[in-house]
Amino acid sequence: MERRDKFNYYLDIAETVLERGTCIRRNFGAIIVKNDEIISTGYSGAPRGRANCNDLGYCIRQKLNIPRGQNYEKCRSVHAEANCIISASRRDMIGSILYLVGKEMDSGDYVKDASSCAMCKRMILNAGIERVIIRDSADKYRAIEVNRWVEDDDSLGEILGY
């Protein structure tokens, strides 16, 4: 049996985490790893105590036909990356790697060109996370050096979404 490479091993765990997500549009799972130790996990879901979209039976963004990457203030969910960061100490996150997997709920396909939203990018930067690994297929992934988000500050442009 061939041993799974470490990046896909952690992405497989993040994919399992996304199964707890409650969004009916698309779900994400994230884990933060430092020194080969998982320090936190997070998935997409409404804040504690509020009804989830899967409980309500609809996604307001989907209902309003809001394009991906826009009008996140209308979303009920806390993003997977945010939930992951909330559950960890900054001291533990400095120099860590965040692994991220997203799936479309209607098809089960991986989210095409998945990326963290602008607000999650800001939190990742402030948390001290060094790299984000994003799954594109069962075995393919992209590695993003977080310092690129400082050098290529997309918040200064006019392009919406991701």
C-alpha atoms as a PDB file:
ATOM      1  CA  MET A   1       0.000   0.000   0.000  1.00  0.00           C
ATOM      2  CA  GLU A   2       1.311   3.436  -0.964  1.00  0.00           C
ATOM      3  CA  ARG A   3       1.468   5.943   1.866  1.00  0.00           C
ATOM      4  CA  ARG A   4      -0.672   9.084   1.459  1.00  0.00           C
ATOM      5  CA  ASP A   5       1.413  12.271   1.215  1.00  0.00           C
ATOM      6  CA  LYS A   6       1.182  14.577   4.220  1.00  0.00           C
ATOM      7  CA  PHE A   7      -0.651  17.429   2.449  1.00  0.00           C
ATOM      8  CA  ASN A   8      -3.432  15.144   1.234  1.00  0.00           C
ATOM      9  CA  TYR A   9      -3.559  13.429   4.615  1.00  0.00           C
ATOM     10  CA  TYR A  10      -4.395  16.741   6.292  1.00  0.00           C
ATOM     11  CA  LEU A  11      -6.722  17.741   3.452  1.00  0.00           C
ATOM     12  CA  ASP A  12      -8.571  14.435   3.921  1.00  0.00           C
ATOM     13  CA  ILE A  13      -9.087  15.354   7.576  1.00  0.00           C
ATOM     14  CA  ALA A  14     -10.337  18.847   6.614  1.00  0.00           C
ATOM     15  CA  GLU A  15     -12.717  17.181   4.145  1.00  0.00           C
ATOM     16  CA  THR A  16     -14.110  15.045   6.954  1.00  0.00           C
ATOM     17  CA  VAL A  17     -14.539  18.184   9.073  1.00  0.00           C
ATOM     18  CA  LEU A  18     -16.622  19.838   6.322  1.00  0.00           C
ATOM     19  CA  GLU A  19     -19.204  17.060   6.691  1.00  0.00           C
ATOM     20  CA  ARG A  20     -20.306  18.803   9.921  1.00  0.00           C
ATOM     21  CA  GLY A  21     -21.099  21.960   7.919  1.00  0.00           C
ATOM     22  CA  THR A  22     -24.686  23.177   7.818  1.00  0.00           C
ATOM     23  CA  CYS A  23     -24.750  25.343   4.681  1.00  0.00           C
ATOM     24  CA  ILE A  24     -26.969  24.008   1.916  1.00  0.00           C
ATOM     25  CA  ARG A  25     -25.091  25.912  -0.793  1.00  0.00           C
ATOM     26  CA  ARG A  26     -21.440  24.955  -0.183  1.00  0.00           C
ATOM     27  CA  ASN A  27     -19.524  23.714   2.818  1.00  0.00           C
ATOM     28  CA  PHE A  28     -15.931  24.152   3.817  1.00  0.00           C
ATOM     29  CA  GLY A  29     -13.781  22.371   6.356  1.00  0.00           C
ATOM     30  CA  ALA A  30     -10.524  23.744   7.723  1.00  0.00           C
ATOM     31  CA  ILE A  31      -7.819  22.556  10.051  1.00  0.00           C
ATOM     32  CA  ILE A  32      -4.781  24.373  11.392  1.00  0.00           C
ATOM     33  CA  VAL A  33      -1.605  22.326  11.747  1.00  0.00           C
ATOM     34  CA  LYS A  34       1.696  23.266  13.361  1.00  0.00           C
ATOM     35  CA  ASN A  35       4.658  20.931  13.769  1.00  0.00           C
ATOM     36  CA  ASP A  36       2.519  18.028  12.513  1.00  0.00           C
ATOM     37  CA  GLU A  37      -0.060  18.580  15.236  1.00  0.00           C
ATOM     38  CA  ILE A  38      -3.663  19.597  14.554  1.00  0.00           C
ATOM     39  CA  ILE A  39      -4.366  22.576  16.784  1.00  0.00           C
ATOM     40  CA  SER A  40      -7.941  23.359  15.670  1.00  0.00           C
ATOM     41  CA  THR A  41     -10.720  22.517  13.247  1.00  0.00           C
ATOM     42  CA  GLY A  42     -13.612  24.500  11.815  1.00  0.00           C
ATOM     43  CA  TYR A  43     -16.535  24.143   9.439  1.00  0.00           C
ATOM     44  CA  SER A  44     -19.198  26.421   7.946  1.00  0.00           C
ATOM     45  CA  GLY A  45     -22.212  26.977  10.147  1.00  0.00           C
ATOM     46  CA  ALA A  46     -24.456  29.535  11.834  1.00  0.00           C
ATOM     47  CA  PRO A  47     -23.272  31.082  15.103  1.00  0.00           C
ATOM     48  CA  ARG A  48     -23.999  29.026  18.218  1.00  0.00           C
ATOM     49  CA  GLY A  49     -27.669  29.098  19.132  1.00  0.00           C
ATOM     50  CA  ARG A  50     -28.903  30.399  15.769  1.00  0.00           C
ATOM     51  CA  ALA A  51     -30.773  28.256  13.273  1.00  0.00           C
ATOM     52  CA  ASN A  52     -28.610  26.761  10.520  1.00  0.00           C
ATOM     53  CA  CYS A  53     -29.567  26.979   6.854  1.00  0.00           C
ATOM     54  CA  ASN A  54     -30.117  23.225   6.721  1.00  0.00           C
ATOM     55  CA  ASP A  55     -32.579  23.608   9.625  1.00  0.00           C
ATOM     56  CA  LEU A  56     -34.360  26.509   7.914  1.00  0.00           C
ATOM     57  CA  GLY A  57     -34.421  24.685   4.581  1.00  0.00           C
ATOM     58  CA  TYR A  58     -32.995  27.549   2.551  1.00  0.00           C
ATOM     59  CA  CYS A  59     -29.916  29.686   1.984  1.00  0.00           C
ATOM     60  CA  ILE A  60     -30.760  33.381   1.763  1.00  0.00           C
ATOM     61  CA  ARG A  61     -27.789  34.037  -0.557  1.00  0.00           C
ATOM     62  CA  GLN A  62     -28.983  31.276  -2.858  1.00  0.00           C
ATOM     63  CA  LYS A  63     -32.574  32.528  -2.656  1.00  0.00           C
ATOM     64  CA  LEU A  64     -31.439  36.044  -3.647  1.00  0.00           C
ATOM     65  CA  ASN A  65     -29.116  34.628  -6.354  1.00  0.00           C
ATOM     66  CA  ILE A  66     -26.090  36.391  -4.834  1.00  0.00           C
ATOM     67  CA  PRO A  67     -22.886  35.516  -6.733  1.00  0.00           C
ATOM     68  CA  ARG A  68     -20.079  33.698  -4.996  1.00  0.00           C
ATOM     69  CA  GLY A  69     -17.704  36.030  -3.202  1.00  0.00           C
ATOM     70  CA  GLN A  70     -20.191  38.871  -2.704  1.00  0.00           C
ATOM     71  CA  ASN A  71     -22.487  40.181   0.031  1.00  0.00           C
ATOM     72  CA  TYR A  72     -21.244  37.916   2.813  1.00  0.00           C
ATOM     73  CA  GLU A  73     -23.130  40.019   5.344  1.00  0.00           C
ATOM     74  CA  LYS A  74     -26.242  38.198   4.122  1.00  0.00           C
ATOM     75  CA  CYS A  75     -24.759  34.778   4.938  1.00  0.00           C
ATOM     76  CA  ARG A  76     -25.851  33.067   8.179  1.00  0.00           C
ATOM     77  CA  SER A  77     -22.645  31.057   8.453  1.00  0.00           C
ATOM     78  CA  VAL A  78     -19.366  31.662  10.177  1.00  0.00           C
ATOM     79  CA  HIS A  79     -16.754  30.483   7.677  1.00  0.00           C
ATOM     80  CA  ALA A  80     -14.656  27.389   8.341  1.00  0.00           C
ATOM     81  CA  GLU A  81     -11.417  29.382   8.505  1.00  0.00           C
ATOM     82  CA  ALA A  82     -12.943  31.808  11.025  1.00  0.00           C
ATOM     83  CA  ASN A  83     -14.269  28.986  13.214  1.00  0.00           C
ATOM     84  CA  CYS A  84     -10.856  27.332  13.071  1.00  0.00           C
ATOM     85  CA  ILE A  85      -9.073  30.535  14.105  1.00  0.00           C
ATOM     86  CA  ILE A  86     -11.592  31.245  16.890  1.00  0.00           C
ATOM     87  CA  SER A  87     -10.787  27.841  18.404  1.00  0.00           C
ATOM     88  CA  ALA A  88      -7.019  28.345  18.567  1.00  0.00           C
ATOM     89  CA  SER A  89      -4.546  30.538  20.369  1.00  0.00           C
ATOM     90  CA  ARG A  90      -2.591  32.989  18.219  1.00  0.00           C
ATOM     91  CA  ARG A  91       0.555  31.801  19.982  1.00  0.00           C
ATOM     92  CA  ASP A  92      -0.119  28.322  18.558  1.00  0.00           C
ATOM     93  CA  MET A  93      -1.050  29.575  15.076  1.00  0.00           C
ATOM     94  CA  ILE A  94       2.100  31.612  14.375  1.00  0.00           C
ATOM     95  CA  GLY A  95       3.970  29.772  11.629  1.00  0.00           C
ATOM     96  CA  SER A  96       1.197  27.226  11.083  1.00  0.00           C
ATOM     97  CA  ILE A  97      -0.551  25.878   7.977  1.00  0.00           C
ATOM     98  CA  LEU A  98      -4.296  26.063   7.352  1.00  0.00           C
ATOM     99  CA  TYR A  99      -5.760  23.269   5.197  1.00  0.00           C
ATOM    100  CA  LEU A 100      -9.025  24.099   3.412  1.00  0.00           C
ATOM    101  CA  VAL A 101     -11.514  21.952   1.482  1.00  0.00           C
ATOM    102  CA  GLY A 102     -14.803  23.121  -0.030  1.00  0.00           C
ATOM    103  CA  LYS A 103     -17.633  21.166  -1.634  1.00  0.00           C
ATOM    104  CA  GLU A 104     -20.723  22.196  -3.565  1.00  0.00           C
ATOM    105  CA  MET A 105     -23.720  20.724  -1.753  1.00  0.00           C
ATOM    106  CA  ASP A 106     -25.892  20.170  -4.838  1.00  0.00           C
ATOM    107  CA  SER A 107     -23.269  18.170  -6.763  1.00  0.00           C
ATOM    108  CA  GLY A 108     -20.702  17.057  -4.184  1.00  0.00           C
ATOM    109  CA  ASP A 109     -17.963  18.510  -6.423  1.00  0.00           C
ATOM    110  CA  TYR A 110     -15.015  20.361  -4.979  1.00  0.00           C
ATOM    111  CA  VAL A 111     -15.468  24.133  -5.092  1.00  0.00           C
ATOM    112  CA  LYS A 112     -13.730  25.298  -8.257  1.00  0.00           C
ATOM    113  CA  ASP A 113     -10.923  27.774  -7.595  1.00  0.00           C
ATOM    114  CA  ALA A 114     -11.750  27.832  -3.882  1.00  0.00           C
ATOM    115  CA  SER A 115     -10.103  30.520  -1.818  1.00  0.00           C
ATOM    116  CA  SER A 116     -10.620  32.307   1.449  1.00  0.00           C
ATOM    117  CA  CYS A 117     -12.894  35.367   1.319  1.00  0.00           C
ATOM    118  CA  ALA A 118     -11.471  38.833   2.004  1.00  0.00           C
ATOM    119  CA  MET A 119     -12.478  38.775   5.687  1.00  0.00           C
ATOM    120  CA  CYS A 120     -11.021  35.294   6.263  1.00  0.00           C
ATOM    121  CA  LYS A 121      -7.790  36.384   4.558  1.00  0.00           C
ATOM    122  CA  ARG A 122      -7.534  39.237   7.070  1.00  0.00           C
ATOM    123  CA  MET A 123      -8.058  36.854   9.976  1.00  0.00           C
ATOM    124  CA  ILE A 124      -5.506  34.384   8.582  1.00  0.00           C
ATOM    125  CA  LEU A 125      -2.967  37.211   8.266  1.00  0.00           C
ATOM    126  CA  ASN A 126      -3.566  38.434  11.824  1.00  0.00           C
ATOM    127  CA  ALA A 127      -3.484  34.886  13.220  1.00  0.00           C
ATOM    128  CA  GLY A 128       0.099  34.448  12.009  1.00  0.00           C
ATOM    129  CA  ILE A 129      -0.692  31.516   9.713  1.00  0.00           C
ATOM    130  CA  GLU A 130       2.084  31.165   7.102  1.00  0.00           C
ATOM    131  CA  ARG A 131       0.537  28.992   4.405  1.00  0.00           C
ATOM    132  CA  VAL A 132      -2.879  27.896   3.178  1.00  0.00           C
ATOM    133  CA  ILE A 133      -3.261  24.586   1.324  1.00  0.00           C
ATOM    134  CA  ILE A 134      -6.472  24.334  -0.734  1.00  0.00           C
ATOM    135  CA  ARG A 135      -7.845  21.136  -2.250  1.00  0.00           C
ATOM    136  CA  ASP A 136      -8.752  21.242  -5.965  1.00  0.00           C
ATOM    137  CA  SER A 137      -9.456  17.513  -6.445  1.00  0.00           C
ATOM    138  CA  ALA A 138      -9.077  14.292  -4.471  1.00  0.00           C
ATOM    139  CA  ASP A 139      -5.293  14.426  -4.958  1.00  0.00           C
ATOM    140  CA  LYS A 140      -4.479  17.917  -6.277  1.00  0.00           C
ATOM    141  CA  TYR A 141      -4.042  21.033  -4.181  1.00  0.00           C
ATOM    142  CA  ARG A 142      -2.592  24.541  -4.237  1.00  0.00           C
ATOM    143  CA  ALA A 143      -0.236  26.048  -1.673  1.00  0.00           C
ATOM    144  CA  ILE A 144      -0.528  29.768  -0.993  1.00  0.00           C
ATOM    145  CA  GLU A 145       2.087  31.687   0.956  1.00  0.00           C
ATOM    146  CA  VAL A 146       0.027  34.052   3.104  1.00  0.00           C
ATOM    147  CA  ASN A 147       2.582  36.869   2.798  1.00  0.00           C
ATOM    148  CA  ARG A 148       1.474  37.091  -0.878  1.00  0.00           C
ATOM    149  CA  TRP A 149      -1.827  38.506   0.430  1.00  0.00           C
ATOM    150  CA  VAL A 150       0.159  41.380   1.927  1.00  0.00           C
ATOM    151  CA  GLU A 151       2.155  42.014  -1.239  1.00  0.00           C
ATOM    152  CA  ASP A 152      -0.866  41.554  -3.569  1.00  0.00           C
ATOM    153  CA  ASP A 153      -3.479  43.362  -1.474  1.00  0.00           C
ATOM    154  CA  ASP A 154      -6.739  42.496  -3.257  1.00  0.00           C
ATOM    155  CA  SER A 155      -8.681  44.813  -0.943  1.00  0.00           C
ATOM    156  CA  LEU A 156      -7.285  47.757  -2.930  1.00  0.00           C
ATOM    157  CA  GLY A 157      -8.795  46.578  -6.235  1.00  0.00           C
ATOM    158  CA  GLU A 158     -12.274  46.749  -7.649  1.00  0.00           C
ATOM    159  CA  ILE A 159     -12.677  43.027  -8.319  1.00  0.00           C
ATOM    160  CA  LEU A 160     -15.295  41.384  -6.107  1.00  0.00           C
ATOM    161  CA  GLY A 161     -15.386  37.743  -5.093  1.00  0.00           C
ATOM    162  CA  TYR A 162     -12.730  35.090  -5.332  1.00  0.00           C
END
